[in-house]
Protein backbone atom coordinates (compact mmCIF):
# COMPACT_ATOMS: atom_id res chain seq x y z
CA UNK A 1 35.32 200.51 45.76
CA UNK A 2 33.01 200.21 48.78
CA UNK A 3 29.26 200.31 48.00
CA UNK A 4 26.69 201.68 50.43
CA UNK A 5 25.09 198.87 52.53
CA UNK A 6 21.61 199.47 51.06
CA UNK A 7 22.87 199.30 47.44
CA UNK A 8 24.95 196.25 48.17
CA UNK A 9 22.04 194.45 49.71
CA UNK A 10 19.77 195.32 46.77
CA UNK A 11 22.34 193.99 44.26
CA UNK A 12 22.75 190.83 46.32
CA UNK A 13 18.99 190.25 46.34
CA UNK A 14 18.80 190.79 42.59
CA UNK A 15 21.51 188.27 41.93
CA UNK A 16 20.02 185.83 44.36
CA UNK A 17 16.50 186.20 42.98
CA UNK A 18 16.87 186.77 39.24
CA UNK A 19 13.81 187.49 37.12
CA UNK A 20 12.27 184.25 35.78
CA UNK A 21 13.01 183.66 32.08
CA UNK A 22 10.21 184.49 29.63
CA UNK A 23 8.23 181.62 28.07
CA UNK A 24 7.86 181.51 24.33
CA UNK A 25 4.76 180.86 22.29
CA UNK A 26 5.29 178.22 19.60
CA UNK A 27 3.31 177.10 16.61
CA UNK A 28 3.91 173.61 15.11
CA UNK A 29 1.28 173.38 12.37
CA UNK A 30 2.49 172.57 8.84
CA UNK A 31 1.31 174.79 6.04
CA UNK A 32 0.88 171.82 3.72
CA UNK A 33 -1.49 170.16 6.20
CA UNK A 34 -3.46 173.31 6.57
CA UNK A 35 -3.61 173.86 2.79
CA UNK A 36 -5.01 170.37 2.35
CA UNK A 37 -7.60 171.09 5.07
CA UNK A 38 -8.87 174.27 3.41
CA UNK A 39 -8.72 172.85 -0.12
CA UNK A 40 -10.79 169.90 0.91
CA UNK A 41 -13.10 172.24 2.77
CA UNK A 42 -13.54 174.48 -0.34
CA UNK A 43 -14.47 171.44 -2.50
CA UNK A 44 -17.00 170.28 0.14
CA UNK A 45 -18.40 173.81 0.32
CA UNK A 46 -18.94 173.61 -3.42
CA UNK A 47 -20.89 170.33 -3.37
CA UNK A 48 -22.85 171.25 -0.22
CA UNK A 49 -23.79 174.76 -1.43
CA UNK A 50 -21.73 176.39 1.27
CA UNK A 51 -23.13 174.50 4.31
CA UNK A 52 -19.76 172.80 4.95
CA UNK A 53 -18.35 176.19 5.97
CA UNK A 54 -19.42 175.53 9.57
CA UNK A 55 -17.41 172.30 9.69
CA UNK A 56 -14.45 173.97 7.96
CA UNK A 57 -14.46 176.92 10.47
CA UNK A 58 -14.39 174.36 13.33
CA UNK A 59 -11.55 172.38 11.73
CA UNK A 60 -9.56 175.57 11.20
CA UNK A 61 -10.04 176.59 14.85
CA UNK A 62 -8.94 173.19 16.09
CA UNK A 63 -5.89 173.16 13.82
CA UNK A 64 -4.66 176.60 14.84
CA UNK A 65 -5.19 176.22 18.60
CA UNK A 66 -4.01 172.63 18.90
CA UNK A 67 -0.67 173.54 17.27
CA UNK A 68 -0.26 176.62 19.41
CA UNK A 69 1.68 176.16 22.72
CA UNK A 70 2.33 178.61 25.53
CA UNK A 71 5.38 177.33 27.39
CA UNK A 72 5.06 173.56 27.24
CA UNK A 73 1.30 173.36 27.11
CA UNK A 74 -0.81 173.46 23.90
CA UNK A 75 -4.21 174.96 23.66
CA UNK A 76 -7.48 173.24 22.66
CA UNK A 77 -10.52 174.36 20.71
CA UNK A 78 -13.79 172.59 21.51
CA UNK A 79 -16.27 174.34 19.26
CA UNK A 80 -18.65 172.17 17.24
CA UNK A 81 -19.94 172.69 13.70
CA UNK A 82 -23.55 171.91 14.79
CA UNK A 83 -23.42 174.80 17.23
CA UNK A 84 -22.44 177.15 14.44
CA UNK A 85 -25.11 175.80 12.09
CA UNK A 86 -27.83 176.34 14.74
CA UNK A 87 -26.52 179.79 15.54
CA UNK A 88 -26.49 180.66 11.80
CA UNK A 89 -30.11 179.54 11.40
CA UNK A 90 -31.15 181.65 14.41
CA UNK A 91 -29.26 184.58 12.88
CA UNK A 92 -31.06 184.12 9.56
CA UNK A 93 -34.39 184.11 11.42
CA UNK A 94 -33.46 187.61 12.59
CA UNK A 95 -31.80 188.97 9.42
CA UNK A 96 -34.28 187.64 6.74
CA UNK A 97 -37.32 189.66 8.12
CA UNK A 98 -35.14 192.78 8.06
CA UNK A 99 -34.27 192.28 4.45
CA UNK A 100 -37.86 191.45 3.66
CA UNK A 101 -39.20 194.66 5.26
CA UNK A 102 -36.66 196.72 3.29
CA UNK A 103 -37.72 194.94 0.05
CA UNK A 104 -41.38 195.65 0.70
CA UNK A 105 -40.64 199.35 1.39
CA UNK A 106 -38.83 199.36 -1.98
CA UNK A 107 -41.92 198.03 -3.69
CA UNK A 108 -44.10 200.62 -2.01
CA UNK A 109 -42.09 203.73 -2.92
CA UNK A 110 -38.66 204.34 -4.24
CA UNK A 111 -38.24 207.49 -2.17
CA UNK A 112 -39.14 205.65 1.00
CA UNK A 113 -36.57 202.95 0.18
CA UNK A 114 -33.82 205.59 -0.22
CA UNK A 115 -34.87 207.08 3.11
CA UNK A 116 -34.90 203.60 4.74
CA UNK A 117 -31.37 202.93 3.52
CA UNK A 118 -29.84 205.25 6.18
CA UNK A 119 -31.30 203.48 9.27
CA UNK A 120 -30.73 200.13 7.53
CA UNK A 121 -27.01 200.83 7.12
CA UNK A 122 -26.75 202.07 10.70
CA UNK A 123 -28.62 199.02 11.97
CA UNK A 124 -26.37 196.59 10.13
CA UNK A 125 -23.20 198.43 11.19
CA UNK A 126 -24.18 198.15 14.92
CA UNK A 127 -25.48 194.63 14.42
CA UNK A 128 -22.21 193.67 12.80
CA UNK A 129 -20.22 195.00 15.77
CA UNK A 130 -22.59 193.20 18.14
CA UNK A 131 -22.02 189.99 16.17
CA UNK A 132 -18.21 190.39 16.27
CA UNK A 133 -18.31 190.71 20.05
CA UNK A 134 -20.61 187.74 20.53
CA UNK A 135 -18.51 185.62 18.12
CA UNK A 136 -15.37 186.44 20.11
CA UNK A 137 -17.26 185.48 23.27
CA UNK A 138 -18.19 182.12 21.78
CA UNK A 139 -14.71 181.30 20.49
CA UNK A 140 -13.09 182.19 23.82
CA UNK A 141 -15.53 180.01 25.74
CA UNK A 142 -14.56 177.08 23.48
CA UNK A 143 -10.83 177.66 23.91
CA UNK A 144 -8.98 175.78 26.75
CA UNK A 145 -5.40 175.84 28.02
CA UNK A 146 -4.24 173.45 30.73
CA UNK A 147 -7.78 172.16 30.86
CA UNK A 148 -9.30 175.50 31.84
CA UNK A 149 -11.47 177.56 29.51
CA UNK A 150 -11.31 181.22 28.78
CA UNK A 151 -14.49 183.27 29.41
CA UNK A 152 -15.97 186.52 28.30
CA UNK A 153 -18.92 188.53 29.65
CA UNK A 154 -20.23 191.95 28.93
CA UNK A 155 -22.96 193.23 26.66
CA UNK A 156 -22.63 192.94 22.92
CA UNK A 157 -25.00 195.85 22.42
CA UNK A 158 -22.90 198.04 24.80
CA UNK A 159 -19.88 197.20 22.67
CA UNK A 160 -21.82 197.89 19.49
CA UNK A 161 -22.87 201.43 20.31
CA UNK A 162 -19.40 202.25 21.65
CA UNK A 163 -17.95 201.07 18.34
CA UNK A 164 -20.53 203.09 16.43
CA UNK A 165 -19.68 206.31 18.26
CA UNK A 166 -16.00 205.76 17.87
CA UNK A 167 -16.48 204.92 14.17
CA UNK A 168 -18.27 208.25 13.65
CA UNK A 169 -15.38 210.06 15.37
CA UNK A 170 -12.89 208.20 13.11
CA UNK A 171 -14.79 209.42 9.99
CA UNK A 172 -14.98 212.99 11.29
CA UNK A 173 -11.26 213.04 12.10
CA UNK A 174 -10.25 211.47 8.71
CA UNK A 175 -8.85 208.46 10.56
CA UNK A 176 -6.93 210.40 13.20
CA UNK A 177 -8.96 208.87 16.03
CA UNK A 178 -8.46 205.27 14.81
CA UNK A 179 -5.76 204.36 17.43
CA UNK A 180 -7.81 205.63 20.30
CA UNK A 181 -10.82 203.75 19.02
CA UNK A 182 -8.80 200.48 18.83
CA UNK A 183 -7.51 201.02 22.35
CA UNK A 184 -10.93 201.88 23.87
CA UNK A 185 -12.68 198.92 22.30
CA UNK A 186 -9.84 196.54 23.29
CA UNK A 187 -9.98 197.78 26.84
CA UNK A 188 -13.72 197.00 26.91
CA UNK A 189 -13.22 193.44 25.49
CA UNK A 190 -10.35 192.56 27.88
CA UNK A 191 -12.16 194.05 30.85
CA UNK A 192 -14.72 191.34 30.36
CA UNK A 193 -12.29 188.60 29.49
CA UNK A 194 -10.78 186.09 31.94
CA UNK A 195 -8.81 182.87 32.03
CA UNK A 196 -10.18 180.94 34.94
CA UNK A 197 -9.86 183.32 37.86
CA UNK A 198 -7.31 185.54 36.14
CA UNK A 199 -8.95 188.79 35.14
CA UNK A 200 -8.00 190.27 31.78
CA UNK A 201 -7.10 193.85 30.99
CA UNK A 202 -5.49 195.84 28.23
CA UNK A 203 -2.65 198.30 29.03
CA UNK A 204 -2.09 199.56 25.44
CA UNK A 205 -2.96 203.16 24.71
CA UNK A 206 -4.08 204.98 21.58
CA UNK A 207 -1.12 207.33 21.92
CA UNK A 208 1.36 204.40 21.75
CA UNK A 209 -0.22 203.08 18.58
CA UNK A 210 -0.31 206.57 17.05
CA UNK A 211 3.34 207.13 17.77
CA UNK A 212 4.24 203.92 16.03
CA UNK A 213 2.00 204.17 13.02
CA UNK A 214 1.40 207.93 12.41
CA UNK A 215 3.68 207.97 9.39
CA UNK A 216 1.78 205.15 7.72
CA UNK A 217 -1.49 206.87 8.49
CA UNK A 218 -0.29 210.13 6.96
CA UNK A 219 1.13 208.42 3.84
CA UNK A 220 -2.14 206.51 3.34
CA UNK A 221 -4.14 209.76 3.71
CA UNK A 222 -1.92 211.53 1.19
CA UNK A 223 -2.09 208.63 -1.24
CA UNK A 224 -5.88 208.77 -1.17
CA UNK A 225 -5.87 212.56 -1.61
CA UNK A 226 -3.49 212.39 -4.54
CA UNK A 227 -5.54 209.71 -6.33
CA UNK A 228 -8.69 211.81 -5.95
CA UNK A 229 -6.95 215.10 -6.82
CA UNK A 230 -5.23 214.01 -10.09
CA UNK A 231 -8.40 213.43 -12.14
CA UNK A 232 -9.65 216.91 -11.09
CA UNK A 233 -6.36 218.66 -11.97
CA UNK A 234 -5.46 216.65 -15.06
CA UNK A 235 -7.22 217.01 -18.37
CA UNK A 236 -9.15 213.84 -19.31
CA UNK A 237 -8.51 214.49 -23.00
CA UNK A 238 -4.71 214.60 -22.65
CA UNK A 239 -2.90 211.30 -23.31
CA UNK A 240 0.05 212.49 -21.21
CA UNK A 241 -2.21 213.26 -18.22
CA UNK A 242 -3.93 209.89 -18.59
CA UNK A 243 -0.56 208.14 -18.77
CA UNK A 244 0.70 209.98 -15.69
CA UNK A 245 -2.56 209.08 -13.89
CA UNK A 246 -2.08 205.42 -14.63
CA UNK A 247 1.54 205.54 -13.42
CA UNK A 248 0.43 207.12 -10.13
CA UNK A 249 -2.35 204.56 -9.69
CA UNK A 250 -0.05 201.63 -10.39
CA UNK A 251 2.59 203.09 -8.03
CA UNK A 252 0.14 203.32 -5.17
CA UNK A 253 -1.26 199.89 -5.91
CA UNK A 254 2.29 198.55 -5.49
CA UNK A 255 3.08 200.61 -2.41
CA UNK A 256 -0.19 200.34 -0.44
CA UNK A 257 0.14 196.61 0.26
CA UNK A 258 3.51 197.28 1.94
CA UNK A 259 2.01 200.16 3.90
CA UNK A 260 -0.99 198.12 5.03
CA UNK A 261 1.16 195.09 5.92
CA UNK A 262 3.50 197.30 7.95
CA UNK A 263 0.54 198.81 9.75
CA UNK A 264 -0.97 195.42 10.59
CA UNK A 265 2.43 194.30 11.96
CA UNK A 266 2.66 197.35 14.14
CA UNK A 267 -0.96 196.89 15.26
CA UNK A 268 -0.35 193.23 16.15
CA UNK A 269 2.78 194.11 18.12
CA UNK A 270 0.93 196.86 19.95
CA UNK A 271 -2.04 194.64 20.71
CA UNK A 272 -0.12 191.63 21.92
CA UNK A 273 2.15 193.71 24.14
CA UNK A 274 -0.90 195.32 25.78
CA UNK A 275 -2.57 192.07 26.79
CA UNK A 276 -2.69 191.12 30.49
CA UNK A 277 -4.22 188.20 32.34
CA UNK A 278 -3.73 188.90 36.03
CA UNK A 279 0.03 189.19 36.47
CA UNK A 280 0.76 187.32 33.19
CA UNK A 281 2.15 189.73 30.58
CA UNK A 282 2.70 189.32 26.88
CA UNK A 283 5.26 190.86 24.57
CA UNK A 284 5.45 190.80 20.77
CA UNK A 285 8.70 191.06 18.87
CA UNK A 286 7.05 190.96 15.42
CA UNK A 287 9.14 192.85 12.84
CA UNK A 288 7.47 195.70 10.93
CA UNK A 289 8.07 193.99 7.60
CA UNK A 290 7.19 190.40 8.81
CA UNK A 291 3.78 190.34 7.11
CA UNK A 292 4.79 191.66 3.65
CA UNK A 293 5.24 188.20 2.19
CA UNK A 294 1.74 187.06 3.49
CA UNK A 295 -0.07 189.96 1.82
CA UNK A 296 1.88 189.83 -1.44
CA UNK A 297 1.34 186.05 -1.73
CA UNK A 298 -2.38 186.60 -1.26
CA UNK A 299 -2.37 189.40 -3.85
CA UNK A 300 -0.37 187.31 -6.35
CA UNK A 301 -2.66 184.30 -6.13
CA UNK A 302 -5.73 186.55 -6.34
CA UNK A 303 -4.43 188.18 -9.51
CA UNK A 304 -3.74 184.71 -11.00
CA UNK A 305 -7.24 183.57 -10.17
CA UNK A 306 -8.74 186.71 -11.71
CA UNK A 307 -6.67 186.05 -14.86
CA UNK A 308 -7.92 182.47 -14.96
CA UNK A 309 -11.48 183.68 -14.47
CA UNK A 310 -11.09 186.14 -17.39
CA UNK A 311 -9.80 183.20 -19.57
CA UNK A 312 -12.69 181.01 -18.41
CA UNK A 313 -15.30 183.66 -19.26
CA UNK A 314 -13.68 184.30 -22.65
CA UNK A 315 -13.65 180.58 -23.38
CA UNK A 316 -17.27 180.12 -22.35
CA UNK A 317 -18.25 183.19 -24.42
CA UNK A 318 -16.51 181.76 -27.50
CA UNK A 319 -17.96 178.27 -27.09
CA UNK A 320 -21.52 179.57 -26.62
CA UNK A 321 -21.07 181.92 -29.65
CA UNK A 322 -19.88 179.07 -31.86
CA UNK A 323 -22.67 176.69 -30.83
CA UNK A 324 -25.62 179.09 -30.75
CA UNK A 325 -24.60 181.91 -33.11
CA UNK A 326 -27.55 183.71 -34.76
CA UNK A 327 -25.48 185.96 -37.04
CA UNK A 328 -26.23 189.64 -37.26
CA UNK A 329 -23.99 192.48 -36.29
CA UNK A 330 -21.21 192.14 -33.75
CA UNK A 331 -23.25 194.02 -31.19
CA UNK A 332 -26.22 191.76 -31.63
CA UNK A 333 -23.97 188.69 -31.42
CA UNK A 334 -22.33 189.86 -28.22
CA UNK A 335 -25.71 190.77 -26.66
CA UNK A 336 -27.13 187.39 -27.57
CA UNK A 337 -24.24 185.39 -26.16
CA UNK A 338 -23.99 187.46 -22.95
CA UNK A 339 -27.64 186.76 -22.20
CA UNK A 340 -27.62 183.07 -23.20
CA UNK A 341 -28.46 180.65 -20.33
CA UNK A 342 -25.38 178.59 -21.09
CA UNK A 343 -23.08 181.55 -20.78
CA UNK A 344 -24.75 182.73 -17.57
CA UNK A 345 -24.50 179.25 -16.03
CA UNK A 346 -20.81 178.94 -17.06
CA UNK A 347 -20.11 182.38 -15.61
CA UNK A 348 -21.78 181.54 -12.33
CA UNK A 349 -19.66 178.40 -11.98
CA UNK A 350 -16.46 180.39 -12.78
CA UNK A 351 -17.26 183.11 -10.24
CA UNK A 352 -18.14 180.47 -7.59
CA UNK A 353 -14.89 178.58 -8.16
CA UNK A 354 -12.90 181.82 -7.95
CA UNK A 355 -14.65 182.79 -4.68
CA UNK A 356 -13.84 179.44 -3.17
CA UNK A 357 -10.16 179.67 -4.33
CA UNK A 358 -9.86 183.21 -3.06
CA UNK A 359 -11.23 182.06 0.34
CA UNK A 360 -8.65 179.25 0.51
CA UNK A 361 -5.86 181.83 -0.22
CA UNK A 362 -7.06 184.16 2.45
CA UNK A 363 -7.19 181.28 4.98
CA UNK A 364 -3.78 180.02 4.20
CA UNK A 365 -1.78 183.30 3.91
CA UNK A 366 -3.81 185.87 5.93
CA UNK A 367 -5.20 183.53 8.65
CA UNK A 368 -2.77 180.64 9.11
CA UNK A 369 0.48 182.36 8.19
CA UNK A 370 -0.23 185.57 10.06
CA UNK A 371 -1.31 183.48 13.12
CA UNK A 372 1.98 181.53 13.00
CA UNK A 373 4.14 184.63 12.67
CA UNK A 374 2.35 186.46 15.51
CA UNK A 375 2.52 183.37 17.72
CA UNK A 376 6.23 182.73 17.07
CA UNK A 377 7.13 186.34 17.83
CA UNK A 378 5.29 186.36 21.18
CA UNK A 379 6.86 185.77 24.55
CA UNK A 380 5.05 185.46 27.93
CA UNK A 381 6.35 186.97 31.17
CA UNK A 382 5.42 185.65 34.65
CA UNK A 383 3.62 182.59 33.33
CA UNK A 384 3.97 181.04 36.77
CA UNK A 385 1.10 183.29 37.89
CA UNK A 386 -1.18 181.01 35.95
CA UNK A 387 -0.10 177.86 37.82
CA UNK A 388 -2.75 177.96 40.50
CA UNK A 389 -5.70 179.30 38.59
CA UNK A 390 -9.15 178.13 39.57
CA UNK A 391 -11.74 177.45 36.86
CA UNK A 392 -14.71 179.60 36.26
CA UNK A 393 -16.92 180.59 33.34
CA UNK A 394 -19.01 178.36 31.09
CA UNK A 395 -19.55 177.68 27.44
CA UNK A 396 -21.89 180.13 25.85
CA UNK A 397 -24.28 179.65 22.96
CA UNK A 398 -23.20 179.91 19.33
CA UNK A 399 -25.78 182.51 18.27
CA UNK A 400 -23.13 185.26 18.20
CA UNK A 401 -20.88 183.16 15.93
CA UNK A 402 -23.86 182.37 13.76
CA UNK A 403 -24.70 186.09 13.50
CA UNK A 404 -21.12 186.87 12.54
CA UNK A 405 -21.17 184.10 9.94
CA UNK A 406 -24.41 185.37 8.50
CA UNK A 407 -22.84 188.86 8.17
CA UNK A 408 -19.61 187.35 6.79
CA UNK A 409 -17.45 188.69 9.61
CA UNK A 410 -16.67 185.44 11.44
CA UNK A 411 -13.34 183.68 11.39
CA UNK A 412 -10.07 183.13 13.26
């Protein structure tokens, strides 16, 4: 068979210049090491009344990035805990007066307080989005690869009002607009992101995410509708209806974690595959069910901790009742024990310990494990385009990270 000259020449060039192999992203961190890190951090948070969280967040960032390699080069995180602490104090100087004004309005008139709640909620929503953007900007400016730092510009307030408008559209559309919101906000962030002289961009679209996850969105919407509809349709006095309602609730509680884990896996795959830095492209091969184990482990440990907390509270209640019982009716006895300072102090300790334990679980399974799975499923195409990158950008202040920490939205 004789091929046309043009086709023969094209095939020869393809064989002579094959596409370069893709580079893999690897993660070498051990879970046991990370678990020790967050366990020690939780204990130090306890004895320092939470102030160690800034040092723990920095240690977590260093652990995750230093064990993440693209090609043969590992990344580096250079953030410092003192920067986060200073940023947090500045954030508190902004947030505390806002809370104080709202409190004073509440003292003045209950009706004015209810009216003030609407702008307060809107303010904190926009402020939270602003904080997320600035926190990302801070973390990127402290992340280096091959000795060059990432950078991020743009206005946090511009991002905040965009997020607010898209959030309103998501509510009006019952979640239908969520994929387009995610794509639009990611395009804004990546448009202002760079690695040295390589300009970032995001090529993912809302339509792509919707095609991949529309079934999960629809099933979640139906689940919520059914849970709200059953109490209206069923008779609250019928034992059969109550039993059926409990079965439906338990069923959805068992199914929803799978649905959410599948959606997050699809979202991660869509997000990674849309990232671009100049001519460097990323691709994610994360399986849809890859995150099920992470979420179920987190749920299992959380249920165990809640059971332990219930046992702790019951034990404290019994001890206080035995030591300080005043007799009387059962109702009087329970009321006395529940208001006793010893029971209140023991309950506070129990809730604090559970909160710290829950935080450690989230960091191990939903931060570290998800990070590792996403990294190990990612490949990089045309990494050679990053060989001759010139450095630019500078380290920005930690106020944004402090704001995010003050609003409890910071983290890797």
